[in-house]
Amino acid sequence: TGALVALRDAKENEVILKEKASSHFSFDKGSSRMDNPSSLMGSIALIKQTYLNANWYKKQDELVDLSLSAFNENRSLPQFFEAGRDKLFVLRADQLGDEMGVQYIIKGAGDEYQRIDEIKATNATLIVPVNFPDAYDVEDPFNAINVGYDDMKHWEFAAHNLKMLNDKGITFAITSDDLKDASKLSAMLEKAVEAGLSEDVALKALTYTPAQLLNVQNDLGSLTNGKVANFIVTDGSPFKKDTKIYQNWVQGKKHEFTA
C-alpha cells in the first residue's frame, strides 16, 4: 500500500495525511529476496493466482489467512500499476486488470503516443513521466550508426506525448519520477508546453488529478476555501525553467526562497 504524505520537514504524525491511500502492483518483484518470479510470465501468473486465491478466500470461513485478508481489504483502495518499460507494458497491465476485474491507474513510460488508440481503448487513467531523452550526438558517423531510427523518432516526439494524450481525451497525471534530476521538472514541462500542451492541462495534471485519483480532492489539489493550503508563489509561469519560486506553502506553513 501507499501512504499520502505532505512534503515538508516535520514529524511523521504531522505530514502523513492518509496512512493507507492506495494499493500498488508491478511486474517487478521489488525488494523481495525470493528468486521467483524471475520472468514476466511468472510475475503475471503470480498476480493472477493471488487474485484467484483472494476471491476463493472471501467465499469460505474455515481457513484464516492474514495475507489474503489484507489483500482483499486493500482492494477497496485506488489500484495503481507501475507498468514502466514501454507502451506495451501499459497494455499488458490493463489486460491483466481486465481479466481480474480491476481498472488500474497505470504508470507508463512516456511513449504512449506510439500506441495511443490502443491505450485510449483501455479507459485507464495514466501517470506519465516527463523524462524526455537528450539529443543524440550524431556528429561522429561511428557514433551515429549505433543510434536507431526508433530512438531518433522518440527523441523528436517524446515532448509531444502529453498533448497527444490530452487530444485523445485520456486522463493523466504527471510525475517527476524517472527524472535523474528532479529539479529538471520545470524544464521538461516547458518542452511539453512548447510542444502544444496547454498550461491549464499541465497544472491540473500536477495538482487536481493526482488528488482525484486518491479520492482526496475535497482536501487537496486546488485553491479552495477550507482545503489544505499547498501552493507556490513565483515570478512567472511555473512551466518556465527560469521561473523563480519566492514562497512554497505546505499545509499552511510558509517556506521562503532567496531570489
C-alpha atoms as a PDB file:
ATOM      1  CA  THR A   1       0.000   0.000   0.000  1.00  0.00           C
ATOM      2  CA  GLY A   2       0.995   3.636  -0.411  1.00  0.00           C
ATOM      3  CA  ALA A   3       0.747   6.488   2.078  1.00  0.00           C
ATOM      4  CA  LEU A   4      -0.207  10.075   1.250  1.00  0.00           C
ATOM      5  CA  VAL A   5       2.463  12.362   2.688  1.00  0.00           C
ATOM      6  CA  ALA A   6       2.864  16.149   2.731  1.00  0.00           C
ATOM      7  CA  LEU A   7       6.315  17.229   1.550  1.00  0.00           C
ATOM      8  CA  ARG A   8       7.545  19.386   4.390  1.00  0.00           C
ATOM      9  CA  ASP A   9      10.114  18.969   7.121  1.00  0.00           C
ATOM     10  CA  ALA A  10       8.042  17.959  10.134  1.00  0.00           C
ATOM     11  CA  LYS A  11       7.259  15.000  12.363  1.00  0.00           C
ATOM     12  CA  GLU A  12       5.735  11.940  10.734  1.00  0.00           C
ATOM     13  CA  ASN A  13       2.420  12.285  12.543  1.00  0.00           C
ATOM     14  CA  GLU A  14       2.052  15.786  11.101  1.00  0.00           C
ATOM     15  CA  VAL A  15       2.856  15.037   7.451  1.00  0.00           C
ATOM     16  CA  ILE A  16       1.162  11.662   6.947  1.00  0.00           C
ATOM     17  CA  LEU A  17      -2.234  12.687   5.598  1.00  0.00           C
ATOM     18  CA  LYS A  18      -3.509   9.189   4.884  1.00  0.00           C
ATOM     19  CA  GLU A  19      -1.768   6.065   6.096  1.00  0.00           C
ATOM     20  CA  LYS A  20      -3.387   3.754   3.536  1.00  0.00           C
ATOM     21  CA  ALA A  21      -4.104   5.768   0.414  1.00  0.00           C
ATOM     22  CA  SER A  22      -3.568   3.295  -2.408  1.00  0.00           C
ATOM     23  CA  SER A  23      -2.703  -0.249  -3.444  1.00  0.00           C
ATOM     24  CA  HIS A  24       0.232  -0.895  -5.773  1.00  0.00           C
ATOM     25  CA  PHE A  25       1.262  -3.550  -8.277  1.00  0.00           C
ATOM     26  CA  SER A  26       4.167  -4.079 -10.634  1.00  0.00           C
ATOM     27  CA  PHE A  27       5.645  -6.672 -12.970  1.00  0.00           C
ATOM     28  CA  ASP A  28       8.846  -6.345 -10.926  1.00  0.00           C
ATOM     29  CA  LYS A  29       9.115  -8.027  -7.554  1.00  0.00           C
ATOM     30  CA  GLY A  30      10.820  -5.091  -5.875  1.00  0.00           C
ATOM     31  CA  SER A  31      12.730  -5.787  -2.680  1.00  0.00           C
ATOM     32  CA  SER A  32      11.676  -9.420  -2.301  1.00  0.00           C
ATOM     33  CA  ARG A  33      14.592 -11.782  -1.594  1.00  0.00           C
ATOM     34  CA  MET A  34      12.809 -14.711  -3.227  1.00  0.00           C
ATOM     35  CA  ASP A  35      14.206 -15.960  -6.523  1.00  0.00           C
ATOM     36  CA  ASN A  36      10.785 -16.288  -8.122  1.00  0.00           C
ATOM     37  CA  PRO A  37       9.176 -14.914 -10.132  1.00  0.00           C
ATOM     38  CA  SER A  38      12.133 -14.431 -12.438  1.00  0.00           C
ATOM     39  CA  SER A  39      10.257 -13.677 -15.663  1.00  0.00           C
ATOM     40  CA  LEU A  40       7.396 -11.543 -16.923  1.00  0.00           C
ATOM     41  CA  MET A  41       5.280 -14.667 -17.411  1.00  0.00           C
ATOM     42  CA  GLY A  42       5.975 -15.689 -13.822  1.00  0.00           C
ATOM     43  CA  SER A  43       5.014 -12.252 -12.495  1.00  0.00           C
ATOM     44  CA  ILE A  44       1.721 -12.281 -14.392  1.00  0.00           C
ATOM     45  CA  ALA A  45       0.978 -15.811 -13.171  1.00  0.00           C
ATOM     46  CA  LEU A  46       1.701 -14.854  -9.564  1.00  0.00           C
ATOM     47  CA  ILE A  47      -0.566 -11.795  -9.689  1.00  0.00           C
ATOM     48  CA  LYS A  48      -3.391 -13.796 -11.273  1.00  0.00           C
ATOM     49  CA  GLN A  49      -3.045 -16.597  -8.732  1.00  0.00           C
ATOM     50  CA  THR A  50      -3.134 -14.088  -5.862  1.00  0.00           C
ATOM     51  CA  TYR A  51      -6.413 -12.657  -7.161  1.00  0.00           C
ATOM     52  CA  LEU A  52      -7.889 -16.130  -7.626  1.00  0.00           C
ATOM     53  CA  ASN A  53      -6.816 -17.167  -4.124  1.00  0.00           C
ATOM     54  CA  ALA A  54      -8.255 -13.953  -2.668  1.00  0.00           C
ATOM     55  CA  ASN A  55     -11.573 -14.499  -4.463  1.00  0.00           C
ATOM     56  CA  TRP A  56     -11.758 -18.053  -3.119  1.00  0.00           C
ATOM     57  CA  TYR A  57     -10.847 -16.871   0.380  1.00  0.00           C
ATOM     58  CA  LYS A  58     -13.798 -14.471   0.503  1.00  0.00           C
ATOM     59  CA  LYS A  59     -16.213 -17.349  -0.119  1.00  0.00           C
ATOM     60  CA  GLN A  60     -15.075 -19.605   2.736  1.00  0.00           C
ATOM     61  CA  ASP A  61     -14.892 -19.334   6.513  1.00  0.00           C
ATOM     62  CA  GLU A  62     -12.722 -22.296   7.533  1.00  0.00           C
ATOM     63  CA  LEU A  63      -9.231 -21.007   6.774  1.00  0.00           C
ATOM     64  CA  VAL A  64      -7.676 -17.840   8.239  1.00  0.00           C
ATOM     65  CA  ASP A  65      -5.010 -16.203   6.083  1.00  0.00           C
ATOM     66  CA  LEU A  66      -3.865 -12.749   7.148  1.00  0.00           C
ATOM     67  CA  SER A  67      -2.185 -12.018   3.803  1.00  0.00           C
ATOM     68  CA  LEU A  68      -5.266 -12.789   1.717  1.00  0.00           C
ATOM     69  CA  SER A  69      -7.456 -10.947   4.211  1.00  0.00           C
ATOM     70  CA  ALA A  70      -5.262  -7.836   3.915  1.00  0.00           C
ATOM     71  CA  PHE A  71      -5.186  -8.173   0.131  1.00  0.00           C
ATOM     72  CA  ASN A  72      -8.974  -8.196  -0.016  1.00  0.00           C
ATOM     73  CA  GLU A  73      -9.231  -5.187   2.310  1.00  0.00           C
ATOM     74  CA  ASN A  74      -6.828  -3.238   0.099  1.00  0.00           C
ATOM     75  CA  ARG A  75      -8.961  -3.867  -2.993  1.00  0.00           C
ATOM     76  CA  SER A  76     -11.223  -1.008  -1.895  1.00  0.00           C
ATOM     77  CA  LEU A  77      -8.313   1.434  -2.350  1.00  0.00           C
ATOM     78  CA  PRO A  78      -7.336   3.102  -5.645  1.00  0.00           C
ATOM     79  CA  GLN A  79      -5.386   0.456  -7.589  1.00  0.00           C
ATOM     80  CA  PHE A  80      -2.103   1.562  -9.172  1.00  0.00           C
ATOM     81  CA  PHE A  81       0.028  -0.493 -11.544  1.00  0.00           C
ATOM     82  CA  GLU A  82       3.586   0.583 -12.347  1.00  0.00           C
ATOM     83  CA  ALA A  83       3.926  -0.833 -15.846  1.00  0.00           C
ATOM     84  CA  GLY A  84       7.029   1.150 -16.789  1.00  0.00           C
ATOM     85  CA  ARG A  85       9.397  -0.086 -19.512  1.00  0.00           C
ATOM     86  CA  ASP A  86       7.318   0.884 -22.561  1.00  0.00           C
ATOM     87  CA  LYS A  87       3.822   1.328 -24.017  1.00  0.00           C
ATOM     88  CA  LEU A  88       3.310  -2.416 -24.475  1.00  0.00           C
ATOM     89  CA  PHE A  89       3.576  -2.942 -20.740  1.00  0.00           C
ATOM     90  CA  VAL A  90       0.768  -0.419 -20.233  1.00  0.00           C
ATOM     91  CA  LEU A  91      -1.411  -2.608 -22.460  1.00  0.00           C
ATOM     92  CA  ARG A  92      -0.280  -5.761 -20.632  1.00  0.00           C
ATOM     93  CA  ALA A  93      -1.131  -4.248 -17.251  1.00  0.00           C
ATOM     94  CA  ASP A  94      -4.583  -3.218 -18.447  1.00  0.00           C
ATOM     95  CA  GLN A  95      -5.284  -6.638 -19.968  1.00  0.00           C
ATOM     96  CA  LEU A  96      -4.299  -8.244 -16.672  1.00  0.00           C
ATOM     97  CA  GLY A  97      -6.652  -5.891 -14.843  1.00  0.00           C
ATOM     98  CA  ASP A  98      -9.479  -6.683 -17.254  1.00  0.00           C
ATOM     99  CA  GLU A  99      -9.054 -10.415 -16.611  1.00  0.00           C
ATOM    100  CA  MET A 100      -9.152  -9.836 -12.859  1.00  0.00           C
ATOM    101  CA  GLY A 101     -11.993  -7.294 -12.974  1.00  0.00           C
ATOM    102  CA  VAL A 102      -9.849  -4.314 -11.943  1.00  0.00           C
ATOM    103  CA  GLN A 103      -9.380  -0.950 -13.661  1.00  0.00           C
ATOM    104  CA  TYR A 104      -5.827   0.045 -12.808  1.00  0.00           C
ATOM    105  CA  ILE A 105      -4.379   3.536 -12.765  1.00  0.00           C
ATOM    106  CA  ILE A 106      -1.266   2.815 -14.821  1.00  0.00           C
ATOM    107  CA  LYS A 107       2.159   4.443 -14.715  1.00  0.00           C
ATOM    108  CA  GLY A 108       3.624   4.409 -18.188  1.00  0.00           C
ATOM    109  CA  ALA A 109       6.999   5.174 -19.708  1.00  0.00           C
ATOM    110  CA  GLY A 110       6.292   8.361 -21.663  1.00  0.00           C
ATOM    111  CA  ASP A 111       5.967   6.706 -25.073  1.00  0.00           C
ATOM    112  CA  GLU A 112       2.202   6.133 -25.010  1.00  0.00           C
ATOM    113  CA  TYR A 113       1.747   8.128 -28.225  1.00  0.00           C
ATOM    114  CA  GLN A 114       3.187   5.140 -30.117  1.00  0.00           C
ATOM    115  CA  ARG A 115       0.070   3.044 -29.318  1.00  0.00           C
ATOM    116  CA  ILE A 116      -2.293   5.861 -28.454  1.00  0.00           C
ATOM    117  CA  ASP A 117      -5.505   4.411 -29.927  1.00  0.00           C
ATOM    118  CA  GLU A 118      -4.997   1.089 -28.143  1.00  0.00           C
ATOM    119  CA  ILE A 119      -4.192   2.885 -24.885  1.00  0.00           C
ATOM    120  CA  LYS A 120      -7.259   5.105 -25.304  1.00  0.00           C
ATOM    121  CA  ALA A 121      -9.353   1.919 -25.600  1.00  0.00           C
ATOM    122  CA  THR A 122      -8.180   0.730 -22.157  1.00  0.00           C
ATOM    123  CA  ASN A 123     -10.080   3.596 -20.436  1.00  0.00           C
ATOM    124  CA  ALA A 124      -7.208   3.701 -17.951  1.00  0.00           C
ATOM    125  CA  THR A 125      -6.020   6.876 -16.260  1.00  0.00           C
ATOM    126  CA  LEU A 126      -2.271   7.221 -16.740  1.00  0.00           C
ATOM    127  CA  ILE A 127       0.619   8.507 -14.674  1.00  0.00           C
ATOM    128  CA  VAL A 128       3.116   9.862 -17.176  1.00  0.00           C
ATOM    129  CA  PRO A 129       6.810  10.668 -16.635  1.00  0.00           C
ATOM    130  CA  VAL A 130       8.470  13.549 -18.461  1.00  0.00           C
ATOM    131  CA  ASN A 131      11.997  12.161 -18.725  1.00  0.00           C
ATOM    132  CA  PHE A 132      12.402  13.281 -22.335  1.00  0.00           C
ATOM    133  CA  PRO A 133      15.607  11.966 -23.914  1.00  0.00           C
ATOM    134  CA  ASP A 134      18.531  14.257 -24.610  1.00  0.00           C
ATOM    135  CA  ALA A 135      19.601  14.859 -28.196  1.00  0.00           C
ATOM    136  CA  TYR A 136      21.913  12.178 -29.529  1.00  0.00           C
ATOM    137  CA  ASP A 137      25.426  13.058 -30.603  1.00  0.00           C
ATOM    138  CA  VAL A 138      25.419  12.015 -34.258  1.00  0.00           C
ATOM    139  CA  GLU A 139      28.221  14.267 -35.442  1.00  0.00           C
ATOM    140  CA  ASP A 140      30.613  11.328 -35.494  1.00  0.00           C
ATOM    141  CA  PRO A 141      29.359   8.732 -38.032  1.00  0.00           C
ATOM    142  CA  PHE A 142      30.767   5.909 -35.918  1.00  0.00           C
ATOM    143  CA  ASN A 143      28.525   7.025 -33.027  1.00  0.00           C
ATOM    144  CA  ALA A 144      25.575   7.797 -35.287  1.00  0.00           C
ATOM    145  CA  ILE A 145      25.454   4.282 -36.675  1.00  0.00           C
ATOM    146  CA  ASN A 146      24.643   2.981 -33.173  1.00  0.00           C
ATOM    147  CA  VAL A 147      21.598   5.239 -32.786  1.00  0.00           C
ATOM    148  CA  GLY A 148      18.444   3.522 -34.004  1.00  0.00           C
ATOM    149  CA  TYR A 149      15.797   5.250 -36.086  1.00  0.00           C
ATOM    150  CA  ASP A 150      13.182   4.479 -33.413  1.00  0.00           C
ATOM    151  CA  ASP A 151      15.382   6.197 -30.810  1.00  0.00           C
ATOM    152  CA  MET A 152      15.678   9.274 -33.011  1.00  0.00           C
ATOM    153  CA  LYS A 153      11.910   9.419 -33.585  1.00  0.00           C
ATOM    154  CA  HIS A 154      11.220   9.092 -29.865  1.00  0.00           C
ATOM    155  CA  TRP A 155      13.622  11.963 -29.174  1.00  0.00           C
ATOM    156  CA  GLU A 156      11.605  14.002 -31.693  1.00  0.00           C
ATOM    157  CA  PHE A 157       8.138  13.103 -30.407  1.00  0.00           C
ATOM    158  CA  ALA A 158       8.573  12.463 -26.658  1.00  0.00           C
ATOM    159  CA  ALA A 159       7.729  16.036 -25.653  1.00  0.00           C
ATOM    160  CA  HIS A 160       4.501  15.813 -27.705  1.00  0.00           C
ATOM    161  CA  ASN A 161       3.264  12.778 -25.754  1.00  0.00           C
ATOM    162  CA  LEU A 162       1.197  14.690 -23.175  1.00  0.00           C
ATOM    163  CA  LYS A 163      -0.518  16.876 -25.775  1.00  0.00           C
ATOM    164  CA  MET A 164      -1.389  13.842 -27.855  1.00  0.00           C
ATOM    165  CA  LEU A 165      -2.831  12.069 -24.822  1.00  0.00           C
ATOM    166  CA  ASN A 166      -4.911  15.117 -23.950  1.00  0.00           C
ATOM    167  CA  ASP A 167      -6.125  15.476 -27.540  1.00  0.00           C
ATOM    168  CA  LYS A 168      -7.377  11.880 -27.339  1.00  0.00           C
ATOM    169  CA  GLY A 169      -9.256  12.631 -24.118  1.00  0.00           C
ATOM    170  CA  ILE A 170      -7.033  10.395 -21.993  1.00  0.00           C
ATOM    171  CA  THR A 171      -6.870  11.484 -18.347  1.00  0.00           C
ATOM    172  CA  PHE A 172      -3.355  11.625 -16.933  1.00  0.00           C
ATOM    173  CA  ALA A 173      -1.281  12.848 -14.026  1.00  0.00           C
ATOM    174  CA  ILE A 174       2.320  13.998 -14.438  1.00  0.00           C
ATOM    175  CA  THR A 175       5.143  12.592 -12.316  1.00  0.00           C
ATOM    176  CA  SER A 176       8.747  13.682 -11.793  1.00  0.00           C
ATOM    177  CA  ASP A 177       9.632  10.033 -11.233  1.00  0.00           C
ATOM    178  CA  ASP A 178      12.247   8.654 -13.669  1.00  0.00           C
ATOM    179  CA  LEU A 179      13.981  12.044 -13.887  1.00  0.00           C
ATOM    180  CA  LYS A 180      17.621  11.690 -12.915  1.00  0.00           C
ATOM    181  CA  ASP A 181      17.435  15.240 -11.534  1.00  0.00           C
ATOM    182  CA  ALA A 182      14.015  16.237 -10.138  1.00  0.00           C
ATOM    183  CA  SER A 183      14.973  19.909 -10.437  1.00  0.00           C
ATOM    184  CA  LYS A 184      14.677  19.470 -14.226  1.00  0.00           C
ATOM    185  CA  LEU A 185      10.892  19.038 -13.965  1.00  0.00           C
ATOM    186  CA  SER A 186      10.174  22.654 -14.960  1.00  0.00           C
ATOM    187  CA  ALA A 187      12.479  22.386 -17.970  1.00  0.00           C
ATOM    188  CA  MET A 188      10.755  19.198 -19.134  1.00  0.00           C
ATOM    189  CA  LEU A 189       7.310  20.729 -18.666  1.00  0.00           C
ATOM    190  CA  GLU A 190       8.409  23.781 -20.625  1.00  0.00           C
ATOM    191  CA  LYS A 191       9.245  21.465 -23.527  1.00  0.00           C
ATOM    192  CA  ALA A 192       5.802  19.844 -23.261  1.00  0.00           C
ATOM    193  CA  VAL A 193       4.096  23.253 -23.290  1.00  0.00           C
ATOM    194  CA  GLU A 194       6.195  24.347 -26.274  1.00  0.00           C
ATOM    195  CA  ALA A 195       5.048  21.128 -27.985  1.00  0.00           C
ATOM    196  CA  GLY A 196       1.418  22.208 -27.595  1.00  0.00           C
ATOM    197  CA  LEU A 197       0.266  21.112 -24.140  1.00  0.00           C
ATOM    198  CA  SER A 198      -1.786  23.879 -22.509  1.00  0.00           C
ATOM    199  CA  GLU A 199      -0.562  25.210 -19.179  1.00  0.00           C
ATOM    200  CA  ASP A 200      -4.019  24.695 -17.651  1.00  0.00           C
ATOM    201  CA  VAL A 201      -3.961  20.983 -18.523  1.00  0.00           C
ATOM    202  CA  ALA A 202      -0.400  20.637 -17.249  1.00  0.00           C
ATOM    203  CA  LEU A 203      -1.275  22.344 -13.956  1.00  0.00           C
ATOM    204  CA  LYS A 204      -4.325  20.132 -13.460  1.00  0.00           C
ATOM    205  CA  ALA A 205      -2.219  17.027 -14.131  1.00  0.00           C
ATOM    206  CA  LEU A 206       0.172  18.097 -11.373  1.00  0.00           C
ATOM    207  CA  THR A 207      -2.421  19.082  -8.774  1.00  0.00           C
ATOM    208  CA  TYR A 208      -6.111  18.239  -9.005  1.00  0.00           C
ATOM    209  CA  THR A 209      -5.888  14.998 -10.979  1.00  0.00           C
ATOM    210  CA  PRO A 210      -3.473  13.285  -8.533  1.00  0.00           C
ATOM    211  CA  ALA A 211      -5.731  14.310  -5.631  1.00  0.00           C
ATOM    212  CA  GLN A 212      -8.745  12.961  -7.510  1.00  0.00           C
ATOM    213  CA  LEU A 213      -7.013   9.627  -8.170  1.00  0.00           C
ATOM    214  CA  LEU A 214      -6.508   9.224  -4.411  1.00  0.00           C
ATOM    215  CA  ASN A 215     -10.058  10.385  -3.594  1.00  0.00           C
ATOM    216  CA  VAL A 216      -8.780  13.372  -1.596  1.00  0.00           C
ATOM    217  CA  GLN A 217      -9.899  16.123  -3.997  1.00  0.00           C
ATOM    218  CA  ASN A 218     -12.121  17.577  -1.251  1.00  0.00           C
ATOM    219  CA  ASP A 219      -8.997  18.397   0.773  1.00  0.00           C
ATOM    220  CA  LEU A 220      -6.189  18.777  -1.761  1.00  0.00           C
ATOM    221  CA  GLY A 221      -5.444  19.643  -5.362  1.00  0.00           C
ATOM    222  CA  SER A 222      -6.907  23.125  -5.812  1.00  0.00           C
ATOM    223  CA  LEU A 223      -7.013  26.559  -4.191  1.00  0.00           C
ATOM    224  CA  THR A 224     -10.375  26.481  -2.451  1.00  0.00           C
ATOM    225  CA  ASN A 225     -11.504  27.791   0.902  1.00  0.00           C
ATOM    226  CA  GLY A 226     -11.279  25.050   3.519  1.00  0.00           C
ATOM    227  CA  LYS A 227      -8.699  22.894   1.737  1.00  0.00           C
ATOM    228  CA  VAL A 228      -5.126  22.263   2.869  1.00  0.00           C
ATOM    229  CA  ALA A 229      -3.022  25.294   1.905  1.00  0.00           C
ATOM    230  CA  ASN A 230      -0.468  23.857  -0.530  1.00  0.00           C
ATOM    231  CA  PHE A 231       0.723  26.346  -3.166  1.00  0.00           C
ATOM    232  CA  ILE A 232       3.721  28.230  -4.529  1.00  0.00           C
ATOM    233  CA  VAL A 233       4.335  31.910  -5.256  1.00  0.00           C
ATOM    234  CA  THR A 234       6.509  32.569  -8.311  1.00  0.00           C
ATOM    235  CA  ASP A 235       7.597  35.447 -10.506  1.00  0.00           C
ATOM    236  CA  GLY A 236       6.080  33.883 -13.623  1.00  0.00           C
ATOM    237  CA  SER A 237       4.738  30.732 -15.224  1.00  0.00           C
ATOM    238  CA  PRO A 238       5.649  27.564 -13.298  1.00  0.00           C
ATOM    239  CA  PHE A 239       6.305  25.967 -16.684  1.00  0.00           C
ATOM    240  CA  LYS A 240       9.372  28.047 -17.436  1.00  0.00           C
ATOM    241  CA  LYS A 241      12.706  26.640 -16.328  1.00  0.00           C
ATOM    242  CA  ASP A 242      13.983  30.108 -15.324  1.00  0.00           C
ATOM    243  CA  THR A 243      10.952  30.990 -13.174  1.00  0.00           C
ATOM    244  CA  LYS A 244      11.897  31.794  -9.589  1.00  0.00           C
ATOM    245  CA  ILE A 245       9.934  30.435  -6.622  1.00  0.00           C
ATOM    246  CA  TYR A 246       9.552  33.013  -3.841  1.00  0.00           C
ATOM    247  CA  GLN A 247       7.390  31.042  -1.425  1.00  0.00           C
ATOM    248  CA  ASN A 248       6.343  27.424  -1.032  1.00  0.00           C
ATOM    249  CA  TRP A 249       3.369  26.796   1.261  1.00  0.00           C
ATOM    250  CA  VAL A 250       2.765  23.252   2.522  1.00  0.00           C
ATOM    251  CA  GLN A 251      -0.034  22.536   4.996  1.00  0.00           C
ATOM    252  CA  GLY A 252      -0.340  26.268   5.622  1.00  0.00           C
ATOM    253  CA  LYS A 253       3.343  26.600   6.558  1.00  0.00           C
ATOM    254  CA  LYS A 254       5.488  29.008   4.531  1.00  0.00           C
ATOM    255  CA  HIS A 255       8.958  28.299   3.271  1.00  0.00           C
ATOM    256  CA  GLU A 256      10.701  31.303   1.736  1.00  0.00           C
ATOM    257  CA  PHE A 257      13.203  31.160  -1.117  1.00  0.00           C
ATOM    258  CA  THR A 258      16.009  33.624  -1.738  1.00  0.00           C
ATOM    259  CA  ALA A 259      15.610  35.128  -5.214  1.00  0.00           C
END
